[in-house]
Amino acid sequence: MKLNQSTEQGVYVVIILALQTDHKPIKSALLAEILQVSDSYLKKILRKLVVADVINSEASKEGGFILNRKIEEISFGNVYQAIQVNHDEIKFNHVGDQLFDDTKHVREGENKIMVALQNADAAFIETLNQIQMSSLLETYAISNGAIDWLHQLGE
């Protein structure tokens, strides 16, 4: 199993936003600088997190990205599902149809496999949902944030 780079960066976007002093919005360009990735690449990740209701975008001069919920209400599963490639798409090529005459039996076998994969995926996501993003942070840093990222980078 492999955690893709976008998912890892999504985790850190959530952590950075949670730690921002007074939970002020952070612009995508600053997030990209902090994470040392291109702004255009990061915007794709940010968009997925917005669509998944994990973060929100505030459009104004001082706008940027903020958490859409309290960090205690966001799980690693939320971030993973927002960014990681969708597992729900289980497709068979129906190779068995070419090998066997009893296509009904082939479909029954494929359905058993599909149910097992769907159950495994649900259990996997349930396990990821048990990890609250807040558990990755020191509790003192959560309430009002602990880092002013703009000043942290010396800007």
C-alpha atoms as a PDB file:
ATOM      1  CA  MET A   1       0.000   0.000   0.000  1.00  0.00           C
ATOM      2  CA  LYS A   2       1.307   3.407  -0.888  1.00  0.00           C
ATOM      3  CA  LEU A   3       0.281   6.841   0.323  1.00  0.00           C
ATOM      4  CA  ASN A   4       0.500   9.174  -2.630  1.00  0.00           C
ATOM      5  CA  GLN A   5       2.373  12.455  -2.323  1.00  0.00           C
ATOM      6  CA  SER A   6      -0.774  14.536  -2.829  1.00  0.00           C
ATOM      7  CA  THR A   7      -2.463  12.881   0.148  1.00  0.00           C
ATOM      8  CA  GLU A   8       0.564  13.502   2.348  1.00  0.00           C
ATOM      9  CA  GLN A   9       0.599  17.145   1.287  1.00  0.00           C
ATOM     10  CA  GLY A  10      -3.145  17.356   1.951  1.00  0.00           C
ATOM     11  CA  VAL A  11      -2.503  16.174   5.504  1.00  0.00           C
ATOM     12  CA  TYR A  12       0.063  18.937   5.967  1.00  0.00           C
ATOM     13  CA  VAL A  13      -2.249  21.559   4.456  1.00  0.00           C
ATOM     14  CA  VAL A  14      -4.793  20.695   7.153  1.00  0.00           C
ATOM     15  CA  ILE A  15      -2.110  20.773   9.864  1.00  0.00           C
ATOM     16  CA  ILE A  16      -0.719  24.110   8.642  1.00  0.00           C
ATOM     17  CA  LEU A  17      -4.194  25.672   8.578  1.00  0.00           C
ATOM     18  CA  ALA A  18      -4.942  24.327  12.059  1.00  0.00           C
ATOM     19  CA  LEU A  19      -1.717  25.805  13.425  1.00  0.00           C
ATOM     20  CA  GLN A  20      -2.093  29.246  11.812  1.00  0.00           C
ATOM     21  CA  THR A  21      -2.243  31.962  14.459  1.00  0.00           C
ATOM     22  CA  ASP A  22      -5.864  32.993  15.106  1.00  0.00           C
ATOM     23  CA  HIS A  23      -6.790  30.608  12.273  1.00  0.00           C
ATOM     24  CA  LYS A  24      -6.367  33.382   9.723  1.00  0.00           C
ATOM     25  CA  PRO A  25      -6.683  32.414   6.042  1.00  0.00           C
ATOM     26  CA  ILE A  26      -3.512  31.388   4.228  1.00  0.00           C
ATOM     27  CA  LYS A  27      -3.070  31.998   0.509  1.00  0.00           C
ATOM     28  CA  SER A  28      -2.268  29.079  -1.776  1.00  0.00           C
ATOM     29  CA  ALA A  29       1.046  30.663  -2.802  1.00  0.00           C
ATOM     30  CA  LEU A  30       2.206  30.713   0.829  1.00  0.00           C
ATOM     31  CA  LEU A  31       1.031  27.136   1.386  1.00  0.00           C
ATOM     32  CA  ALA A  32       2.951  26.109  -1.737  1.00  0.00           C
ATOM     33  CA  GLU A  33       6.055  27.884  -0.465  1.00  0.00           C
ATOM     34  CA  ILE A  34       5.793  26.204   2.942  1.00  0.00           C
ATOM     35  CA  LEU A  35       5.359  22.774   1.338  1.00  0.00           C
ATOM     36  CA  GLN A  36       7.933  23.529  -1.373  1.00  0.00           C
ATOM     37  CA  VAL A  37       5.616  22.597  -4.258  1.00  0.00           C
ATOM     38  CA  SER A  38       4.286  24.574  -7.198  1.00  0.00           C
ATOM     39  CA  ASP A  39       1.240  26.725  -6.566  1.00  0.00           C
ATOM     40  CA  SER A  40      -0.594  25.253  -9.563  1.00  0.00           C
ATOM     41  CA  TYR A  41       0.007  21.701  -8.294  1.00  0.00           C
ATOM     42  CA  LEU A  42      -1.128  22.580  -4.780  1.00  0.00           C
ATOM     43  CA  LYS A  43      -4.291  24.277  -6.063  1.00  0.00           C
ATOM     44  CA  LYS A  44      -5.460  20.885  -7.364  1.00  0.00           C
ATOM     45  CA  ILE A  45      -5.073  19.413  -3.884  1.00  0.00           C
ATOM     46  CA  LEU A  46      -6.754  22.427  -2.280  1.00  0.00           C
ATOM     47  CA  ARG A  47      -9.692  22.125  -4.671  1.00  0.00           C
ATOM     48  CA  LYS A  48     -10.208  18.478  -3.696  1.00  0.00           C
ATOM     49  CA  LEU A  49     -10.145  19.421  -0.005  1.00  0.00           C
ATOM     50  CA  VAL A  50     -12.695  22.202  -0.634  1.00  0.00           C
ATOM     51  CA  VAL A  51     -15.019  19.864  -2.551  1.00  0.00           C
ATOM     52  CA  ALA A  52     -14.759  17.350   0.317  1.00  0.00           C
ATOM     53  CA  ASP A  53     -15.757  20.081   2.814  1.00  0.00           C
ATOM     54  CA  VAL A  54     -12.469  19.790   4.720  1.00  0.00           C
ATOM     55  CA  ILE A  55     -11.267  23.335   3.990  1.00  0.00           C
ATOM     56  CA  ASN A  56     -12.862  26.480   2.620  1.00  0.00           C
ATOM     57  CA  SER A  57     -11.666  29.285   0.409  1.00  0.00           C
ATOM     58  CA  GLU A  58     -12.272  32.889   1.435  1.00  0.00           C
ATOM     59  CA  ALA A  59     -12.125  35.331  -1.447  1.00  0.00           C
ATOM     60  CA  SER A  60     -10.902  38.755  -0.329  1.00  0.00           C
ATOM     61  CA  LYS A  61      -7.690  40.751  -0.093  1.00  0.00           C
ATOM     62  CA  GLU A  62      -6.812  39.010   3.180  1.00  0.00           C
ATOM     63  CA  GLY A  63      -8.482  35.783   2.051  1.00  0.00           C
ATOM     64  CA  GLY A  64      -7.056  32.376   1.476  1.00  0.00           C
ATOM     65  CA  PHE A  65      -7.779  28.921   2.813  1.00  0.00           C
ATOM     66  CA  ILE A  66      -9.104  27.992   6.243  1.00  0.00           C
ATOM     67  CA  LEU A  67     -10.393  24.829   7.844  1.00  0.00           C
ATOM     68  CA  ASN A  68     -14.084  24.362   7.175  1.00  0.00           C
ATOM     69  CA  ARG A  69     -14.554  22.527  10.470  1.00  0.00           C
ATOM     70  CA  LYS A  70     -12.748  22.324  13.764  1.00  0.00           C
ATOM     71  CA  ILE A  71      -9.597  20.230  13.512  1.00  0.00           C
ATOM     72  CA  GLU A  72     -11.126  17.843  16.066  1.00  0.00           C
ATOM     73  CA  GLU A  73     -13.880  17.083  13.527  1.00  0.00           C
ATOM     74  CA  ILE A  74     -11.523  16.189  10.674  1.00  0.00           C
ATOM     75  CA  SER A  75     -10.138  12.678  10.376  1.00  0.00           C
ATOM     76  CA  PHE A  76      -7.287  11.318   8.327  1.00  0.00           C
ATOM     77  CA  GLY A  77      -9.978   9.358   6.496  1.00  0.00           C
ATOM     78  CA  ASN A  78     -11.613  12.639   5.414  1.00  0.00           C
ATOM     79  CA  VAL A  79      -8.344  13.868   3.923  1.00  0.00           C
ATOM     80  CA  TYR A  80      -7.509  10.500   2.368  1.00  0.00           C
ATOM     81  CA  GLN A  81     -10.901  10.165   0.698  1.00  0.00           C
ATOM     82  CA  ALA A  82     -10.719  13.740  -0.587  1.00  0.00           C
ATOM     83  CA  ILE A  83      -7.401  13.273  -2.339  1.00  0.00           C
ATOM     84  CA  GLN A  84      -6.442   9.638  -2.819  1.00  0.00           C
ATOM     85  CA  VAL A  85      -7.483   7.876  -6.009  1.00  0.00           C
ATOM     86  CA  ASN A  86     -11.023   6.577  -5.714  1.00  0.00           C
ATOM     87  CA  HIS A  87     -11.185   2.854  -4.855  1.00  0.00           C
ATOM     88  CA  ASP A  88     -14.910   2.538  -5.442  1.00  0.00           C
ATOM     89  CA  GLU A  89     -14.429   1.869  -9.124  1.00  0.00           C
ATOM     90  CA  ILE A  90     -14.064  -1.892  -9.268  1.00  0.00           C
ATOM     91  CA  LYS A  91     -14.391  -3.028 -12.843  1.00  0.00           C
ATOM     92  CA  PHE A  92     -14.059  -6.493 -14.250  1.00  0.00           C
ATOM     93  CA  ASN A  93     -12.958  -7.223 -17.801  1.00  0.00           C
ATOM     94  CA  HIS A  94     -15.061 -10.400 -17.650  1.00  0.00           C
ATOM     95  CA  VAL A  95     -12.187 -12.617 -18.753  1.00  0.00           C
ATOM     96  CA  GLY A  96     -14.174 -15.571 -17.405  1.00  0.00           C
ATOM     97  CA  ASP A  97     -16.747 -15.060 -20.164  1.00  0.00           C
ATOM     98  CA  GLN A  98     -14.067 -15.989 -22.687  1.00  0.00           C
ATOM     99  CA  LEU A  99     -13.019 -19.069 -20.738  1.00  0.00           C
ATOM    100  CA  PHE A 100     -16.281 -20.571 -19.502  1.00  0.00           C
ATOM    101  CA  ASP A 101     -19.741 -21.134 -20.934  1.00  0.00           C
ATOM    102  CA  ASP A 102     -21.519 -20.594 -17.599  1.00  0.00           C
ATOM    103  CA  THR A 103     -21.467 -16.771 -17.501  1.00  0.00           C
ATOM    104  CA  LYS A 104     -23.976 -16.771 -14.638  1.00  0.00           C
ATOM    105  CA  HIS A 105     -21.457 -18.612 -12.477  1.00  0.00           C
ATOM    106  CA  VAL A 106     -18.699 -16.217 -13.620  1.00  0.00           C
ATOM    107  CA  ARG A 107     -20.846 -13.222 -12.541  1.00  0.00           C
ATOM    108  CA  GLU A 108     -21.533 -14.820  -9.155  1.00  0.00           C
ATOM    109  CA  GLY A 109     -17.786 -15.187  -8.609  1.00  0.00           C
ATOM    110  CA  GLU A 110     -17.146 -11.614  -9.696  1.00  0.00           C
ATOM    111  CA  ASN A 111     -19.883 -10.399  -7.355  1.00  0.00           C
ATOM    112  CA  LYS A 112     -18.294 -12.254  -4.416  1.00  0.00           C
ATOM    113  CA  ILE A 113     -14.976 -10.590  -5.194  1.00  0.00           C
ATOM    114  CA  MET A 114     -16.639  -7.188  -5.567  1.00  0.00           C
ATOM    115  CA  VAL A 115     -18.432  -7.485  -2.208  1.00  0.00           C
ATOM    116  CA  ALA A 116     -15.192  -8.544  -0.504  1.00  0.00           C
ATOM    117  CA  LEU A 117     -13.307  -5.581  -1.996  1.00  0.00           C
ATOM    118  CA  GLN A 118     -16.070  -3.138  -1.052  1.00  0.00           C
ATOM    119  CA  ASN A 119     -16.150  -4.493   2.511  1.00  0.00           C
ATOM    120  CA  ALA A 120     -12.367  -4.249   2.759  1.00  0.00           C
ATOM    121  CA  ASP A 121     -12.453  -0.673   1.459  1.00  0.00           C
ATOM    122  CA  ALA A 122     -15.157   0.304   3.970  1.00  0.00           C
ATOM    123  CA  ALA A 123     -13.137  -1.252   6.823  1.00  0.00           C
ATOM    124  CA  PHE A 124     -10.009   0.536   5.596  1.00  0.00           C
ATOM    125  CA  ILE A 125     -11.729   3.938   5.546  1.00  0.00           C
ATOM    126  CA  GLU A 126     -13.317   3.232   8.944  1.00  0.00           C
ATOM    127  CA  THR A 127      -9.840   2.580  10.335  1.00  0.00           C
ATOM    128  CA  LEU A 128      -8.499   5.812   8.816  1.00  0.00           C
ATOM    129  CA  ASN A 129     -11.448   7.727  10.276  1.00  0.00           C
ATOM    130  CA  GLN A 130     -10.302   6.672  13.752  1.00  0.00           C
ATOM    131  CA  ILE A 131      -7.264   8.932  13.387  1.00  0.00           C
ATOM    132  CA  GLN A 132      -8.339  12.466  14.190  1.00  0.00           C
ATOM    133  CA  MET A 133      -6.142  15.115  12.620  1.00  0.00           C
ATOM    134  CA  SER A 134      -6.078  16.876  15.990  1.00  0.00           C
ATOM    135  CA  SER A 135      -4.261  13.850  17.451  1.00  0.00           C
ATOM    136  CA  LEU A 136      -1.282  14.729  15.239  1.00  0.00           C
ATOM    137  CA  LEU A 137      -0.894  18.095  16.978  1.00  0.00           C
ATOM    138  CA  GLU A 138       0.034  19.284  20.438  1.00  0.00           C
ATOM    139  CA  THR A 139      -3.186  20.317  22.199  1.00  0.00           C
ATOM    140  CA  TYR A 140      -1.821  23.730  23.220  1.00  0.00           C
ATOM    141  CA  ALA A 141      -1.353  24.625  19.551  1.00  0.00           C
ATOM    142  CA  ILE A 142      -4.916  23.963  18.443  1.00  0.00           C
ATOM    143  CA  SER A 143      -7.151  26.559  20.124  1.00  0.00           C
ATOM    144  CA  ASN A 144      -5.729  29.761  18.609  1.00  0.00           C
ATOM    145  CA  GLY A 145      -2.998  28.346  16.451  1.00  0.00           C
ATOM    146  CA  ALA A 146       0.664  28.495  17.334  1.00  0.00           C
ATOM    147  CA  ILE A 147       2.462  29.617  14.183  1.00  0.00           C
ATOM    148  CA  ASP A 148       2.195  32.704  12.042  1.00  0.00           C
ATOM    149  CA  TRP A 149       3.349  31.084   8.813  1.00  0.00           C
ATOM    150  CA  LEU A 150       3.825  34.391   7.009  1.00  0.00           C
ATOM    151  CA  HIS A 151       6.312  35.592   9.621  1.00  0.00           C
ATOM    152  CA  GLN A 152       7.779  32.114  10.085  1.00  0.00           C
ATOM    153  CA  LEU A 153       9.147  32.325   6.543  1.00  0.00           C
ATOM    154  CA  GLY A 154      10.520  35.797   7.192  1.00  0.00           C
ATOM    155  CA  GLU A 155       8.182  37.662   4.860  1.00  0.00           C
END
